[in-house]
Amino acid sequence: MRFHELNIFGVYVSPVAAMLLVAWLILLVLRRIANRAGLWRRLWHPALASLAVYVIVLSMIVIAVGR
């Protein structure tokens, strides 16, 4: 499991930064789906649930890329 820096227009970016961005974009889609389904209204603390889903999605991305 070795990650290499990404070269974006001559600037080296950590691969974790790219994974954070992808996880955030996936979270936006999941939150929109949950909002339309009415699930977000039923949560006790939506911000805490959002953070938990973000950490889960990020962990799944790191595991998938690391293999």
N, C-alpha and C. Protein backbone atom coordinates (compact mmCIF):
# COMPACT_ATOMS: atom_id res chain seq x y z
N MET A 1 0.85 -1.16 0.00
CA MET A 1 0.00 0.00 0.00
C MET A 1 0.90 1.23 0.00
N ARG A 2 1.15 1.75 -1.18
CA ARG A 2 2.01 2.92 -1.30
C ARG A 2 1.30 3.96 -2.15
N PHE A 3 1.18 5.14 -1.62
CA PHE A 3 0.53 6.23 -2.32
C PHE A 3 1.60 7.18 -2.86
N HIS A 4 1.38 7.70 -4.05
CA HIS A 4 2.30 8.64 -4.67
C HIS A 4 1.60 9.99 -4.84
N GLU A 5 2.40 11.04 -4.78
CA GLU A 5 1.85 12.38 -4.94
C GLU A 5 1.30 12.55 -6.36
N LEU A 6 0.27 13.38 -6.46
CA LEU A 6 -0.32 13.68 -7.75
C LEU A 6 0.26 14.99 -8.26
N ASN A 7 0.67 15.01 -9.51
CA ASN A 7 1.22 16.21 -10.11
C ASN A 7 0.11 16.91 -10.89
N ILE A 8 -0.41 18.01 -10.31
CA ILE A 8 -1.47 18.77 -10.95
C ILE A 8 -0.91 20.13 -11.36
N PHE A 9 -0.66 20.29 -12.64
CA PHE A 9 -0.10 21.53 -13.20
C PHE A 9 1.18 21.95 -12.49
N GLY A 10 2.04 20.99 -12.21
CA GLY A 10 3.33 21.28 -11.60
C GLY A 10 3.29 21.40 -10.09
N VAL A 11 2.14 21.21 -9.48
CA VAL A 11 2.02 21.28 -8.03
C VAL A 11 1.75 19.87 -7.52
N TYR A 12 2.58 19.43 -6.60
CA TYR A 12 2.41 18.10 -6.04
C TYR A 12 1.37 18.14 -4.94
N VAL A 13 0.37 17.28 -5.08
CA VAL A 13 -0.74 17.22 -4.15
C VAL A 13 -0.76 15.85 -3.50
N SER A 14 -1.01 15.82 -2.22
CA SER A 14 -1.10 14.57 -1.50
C SER A 14 -2.28 13.76 -2.02
N PRO A 15 -2.13 12.45 -2.14
CA PRO A 15 -3.26 11.64 -2.62
C PRO A 15 -4.44 11.67 -1.64
N VAL A 16 -4.16 11.91 -0.38
CA VAL A 16 -5.25 11.99 0.60
C VAL A 16 -6.13 13.21 0.31
N ALA A 17 -5.54 14.29 -0.17
CA ALA A 17 -6.33 15.48 -0.50
C ALA A 17 -7.32 15.17 -1.62
N ALA A 18 -6.89 14.41 -2.60
CA ALA A 18 -7.80 14.03 -3.69
C ALA A 18 -8.90 13.11 -3.17
N MET A 19 -8.54 12.20 -2.27
CA MET A 19 -9.54 11.30 -1.69
C MET A 19 -10.55 12.07 -0.84
N LEU A 20 -10.08 13.10 -0.13
CA LEU A 20 -10.99 13.93 0.67
C LEU A 20 -11.99 14.63 -0.23
N LEU A 21 -11.53 15.12 -1.37
CA LEU A 21 -12.41 15.80 -2.31
C LEU A 21 -13.44 14.85 -2.91
N VAL A 22 -13.01 13.67 -3.29
CA VAL A 22 -13.93 12.68 -3.87
C VAL A 22 -14.96 12.25 -2.83
N ALA A 23 -14.52 12.04 -1.59
CA ALA A 23 -15.46 11.65 -0.53
C ALA A 23 -16.47 12.75 -0.27
N TRP A 24 -16.05 13.99 -0.34
CA TRP A 24 -16.96 15.12 -0.13
C TRP A 24 -18.01 15.19 -1.23
N LEU A 25 -17.58 14.96 -2.48
CA LEU A 25 -18.52 14.97 -3.60
C LEU A 25 -19.54 13.84 -3.48
N ILE A 26 -19.07 12.67 -3.07
CA ILE A 26 -19.99 11.56 -2.85
C ILE A 26 -20.95 11.87 -1.72
N LEU A 27 -20.46 12.52 -0.67
CA LEU A 27 -21.31 12.90 0.45
C LEU A 27 -22.41 13.87 0.01
N LEU A 28 -22.07 14.81 -0.86
CA LEU A 28 -23.08 15.74 -1.36
C LEU A 28 -24.22 15.00 -2.06
N VAL A 29 -23.86 14.02 -2.87
CA VAL A 29 -24.87 13.24 -3.58
C VAL A 29 -25.72 12.43 -2.59
N LEU A 30 -25.06 11.79 -1.61
CA LEU A 30 -25.81 10.99 -0.64
C LEU A 30 -26.72 11.85 0.22
N ARG A 31 -26.27 13.05 0.59
CA ARG A 31 -27.11 13.94 1.38
C ARG A 31 -28.32 14.40 0.59
N ARG A 32 -28.14 14.66 -0.69
CA ARG A 32 -29.26 15.09 -1.53
C ARG A 32 -30.29 13.97 -1.66
N ILE A 33 -29.81 12.74 -1.82
CA ILE A 33 -30.72 11.59 -1.90
C ILE A 33 -31.47 11.42 -0.58
N ALA A 34 -30.76 11.53 0.54
CA ALA A 34 -31.39 11.39 1.85
C ALA A 34 -32.39 12.52 2.11
N ASN A 35 -32.08 13.69 1.63
CA ASN A 35 -32.99 14.83 1.79
C ASN A 35 -34.29 14.60 1.02
N ARG A 36 -34.17 14.14 -0.20
CA ARG A 36 -35.37 13.91 -1.03
C ARG A 36 -36.21 12.76 -0.50
N ALA A 37 -35.55 11.78 0.12
CA ALA A 37 -36.28 10.64 0.68
C ALA A 37 -36.88 10.97 2.04
N GLY A 38 -36.50 12.10 2.62
CA GLY A 38 -37.03 12.50 3.91
C GLY A 38 -36.29 11.90 5.09
N LEU A 39 -35.17 11.26 4.84
CA LEU A 39 -34.41 10.65 5.93
C LEU A 39 -33.67 11.68 6.77
N TRP A 40 -33.26 12.75 6.15
CA TRP A 40 -32.46 13.76 6.85
C TRP A 40 -33.27 14.47 7.93
N ARG A 41 -34.59 14.59 7.71
CA ARG A 41 -35.46 15.24 8.69
C ARG A 41 -35.60 14.44 9.97
N ARG A 42 -35.50 13.13 9.86
CA ARG A 42 -35.74 12.25 11.00
C ARG A 42 -34.52 12.07 11.89
N LEU A 43 -33.41 12.61 11.52
CA LEU A 43 -32.19 12.45 12.31
C LEU A 43 -32.19 13.41 13.50
N TRP A 44 -31.62 12.93 14.59
CA TRP A 44 -31.53 13.75 15.78
C TRP A 44 -30.53 14.88 15.59
N HIS A 45 -29.39 14.56 14.98
CA HIS A 45 -28.33 15.54 14.78
C HIS A 45 -27.79 15.38 13.36
N PRO A 46 -28.33 16.10 12.39
CA PRO A 46 -27.93 15.90 10.98
C PRO A 46 -26.44 16.17 10.72
N ALA A 47 -25.86 17.13 11.40
CA ALA A 47 -24.44 17.43 11.17
C ALA A 47 -23.56 16.27 11.63
N LEU A 48 -23.91 15.67 12.74
CA LEU A 48 -23.15 14.53 13.25
C LEU A 48 -23.30 13.32 12.31
N ALA A 49 -24.50 13.11 11.81
CA ALA A 49 -24.73 12.03 10.86
C ALA A 49 -23.96 12.27 9.57
N SER A 50 -23.92 13.52 9.14
CA SER A 50 -23.17 13.87 7.93
C SER A 50 -21.68 13.58 8.11
N LEU A 51 -21.14 13.93 9.26
CA LEU A 51 -19.73 13.64 9.54
C LEU A 51 -19.47 12.15 9.56
N ALA A 52 -20.37 11.39 10.17
CA ALA A 52 -20.20 9.94 10.24
C ALA A 52 -20.22 9.32 8.84
N VAL A 53 -21.14 9.76 8.00
CA VAL A 53 -21.21 9.23 6.63
C VAL A 53 -19.97 9.62 5.85
N TYR A 54 -19.47 10.83 6.07
CA TYR A 54 -18.25 11.28 5.39
C TYR A 54 -17.05 10.42 5.78
N VAL A 55 -16.92 10.12 7.05
CA VAL A 55 -15.80 9.29 7.51
C VAL A 55 -15.92 7.88 6.94
N ILE A 56 -17.12 7.36 6.88
CA ILE A 56 -17.32 6.02 6.32
C ILE A 56 -16.96 5.99 4.84
N VAL A 57 -17.42 6.98 4.09
CA VAL A 57 -17.13 7.04 2.65
C VAL A 57 -15.63 7.22 2.42
N LEU A 58 -15.00 8.10 3.19
CA LEU A 58 -13.55 8.31 3.05
C LEU A 58 -12.78 7.04 3.38
N SER A 59 -13.18 6.33 4.41
CA SER A 59 -12.51 5.08 4.76
C SER A 59 -12.64 4.05 3.65
N MET A 60 -13.82 3.97 3.05
CA MET A 60 -14.01 3.03 1.96
C MET A 60 -13.13 3.38 0.76
N ILE A 61 -12.98 4.66 0.48
CA ILE A 61 -12.13 5.09 -0.65
C ILE A 61 -10.67 4.76 -0.36
N VAL A 62 -10.20 5.04 0.85
CA VAL A 62 -8.80 4.76 1.21
C VAL A 62 -8.51 3.27 1.12
N ILE A 63 -9.43 2.45 1.61
CA ILE A 63 -9.24 1.00 1.54
C ILE A 63 -9.24 0.52 0.09
N ALA A 64 -10.14 1.05 -0.73
CA ALA A 64 -10.21 0.62 -2.12
C ALA A 64 -8.97 1.03 -2.90
N VAL A 65 -8.46 2.23 -2.66
CA VAL A 65 -7.27 2.70 -3.39
C VAL A 65 -6.02 1.99 -2.88
N GLY A 66 -6.00 1.66 -1.61
CA GLY A 66 -4.82 1.04 -1.02
C GLY A 66 -4.57 -0.38 -1.45
N ARG A 67 -5.58 -1.04 -1.98
CA ARG A 67 -5.40 -2.45 -2.38
C ARG A 67 -4.81 -2.57 -3.73
